[in-house]
Amino acid sequence: MNEQQQPAPARRYSPLRELVLARLREFYREPEAVFWVYGFPILMVVALGIAFRNKPVEQIPVDVQDGSQAVEVKQLLEKDNRLLIRVHDEATCLSRWKSGKTDAVVMPLSGPGPRYRLLHDPTRLESQLARSLVNEQLTHPATSAESALVREDELQEPGSRYIDYLVPGLLGMSLMGGGLWGVGFVIVDMRIRKLLKRLLATPMKRGEFLAAIMISRLCFMVPEVLIMLGFTWLTFGVVIRGSLVALVFLVFLGAFAFAGIGLLVASRAKTMESVSGLMNLIMLPMWMLSGIFFSYERFPDVALPFIRLLPLTALNDALRAVMLEGQPLTAQWLRLGILTGWGVGSFVLALRWFRWQ
């Protein structure tokens, strides 16, 4: 009679080791988590490094008002190669100032008294640096005492401050976040809770469902925008120079564009992790490139055409044009076309790729 084989001794498992291994496996099996831990910081460094890259000579944009003395003033200021001098008419100079594209404006004056008027913002570090360098050139010892006189004007009236530049960017960022997260998360949450499967049994069409999600999100935009604009008006004196109807139209168009992108992202996503990674991957370039906190013209010239095609860039530029410059919608057909293209194109693709399961 054969002896019965003795069972192999049971392997001892360490709960601590197994739990650590399980967490590590969960991590590297989720591409979204790997991206946010390792990829996101690198992209942040690259984007900010390009925007604020080291240059052989720091170029500080300063505009000179066009006129009979503009060429002389331009040549005088260009002796400091840290200054990037451009000549424009008065309206363009002020427009570029309000949109954050220049740090100071020099206006040659005629008649007795000061020969130059220097516009700057004491609340902006870049503007104060530009002021110092411009004064250094205009009051150079080689010039006469009469020609060295500069009248400095601090631009602090509503529409010319940094807060006026910032609010439209924050408004655009809010519309982007609300459209993407408010639409994408709703659909993915319904898919996870098996609600979409139940809707599959109804006679409702996909287009009706997606349109309902978009329209409901648009309805939330009005009070959100009104509260933000009202708060900034009461607290900081931010005013709207253009038409309120035009501003509301831009808000709805921007919300429509980003809601369409949110639908597209969520059309096939099945988990919160996947939709979160995709949403942030889409928003990251626009956070960095679309001129929310600083002008996107800091980036290389070769990148500017692509940056202007981003929906948030078009929305921010349009909002600033209406709020700060009072431009009508008819003067912004290209920006409106970009936003419409993103909204319609995203909705059409989402309608084609959407699955209930």
Foldseek 3Di string as FASTA:
>chain_A
DDDDDDDDDDDDDDPVVVVVVVVVVVQVVQVLNVCVVPVVVVVVCVLVCQLPPDDPAAEAEEEEADDPCRVVLVVLLVVRVNYDYDYDHPVVRQVCQLLQNHAKYWYADDDFDAGIEIEHAPVDPSNVVVVVSSLCRQLPPVDDPRSSGYHYDYPDDALRDLVLNQLLLVLLVVLLVLLQCVQQVVLLVCLQVVVLVVCVPPPDAPLVVLVVSLVVSLVVQVVVVVVSVVVCCVPVVHFFQADPVQLNVLSSLSNLLSNLLNLLLNQPDNDPSSSVSVSCVLCVVCVSQQQNNHDNVSGDPVCVVVSCLDLSNLSSVSNSCRRNVHDGVVVSVVSSVSSNCSNVVSNVNSSVRHDSD
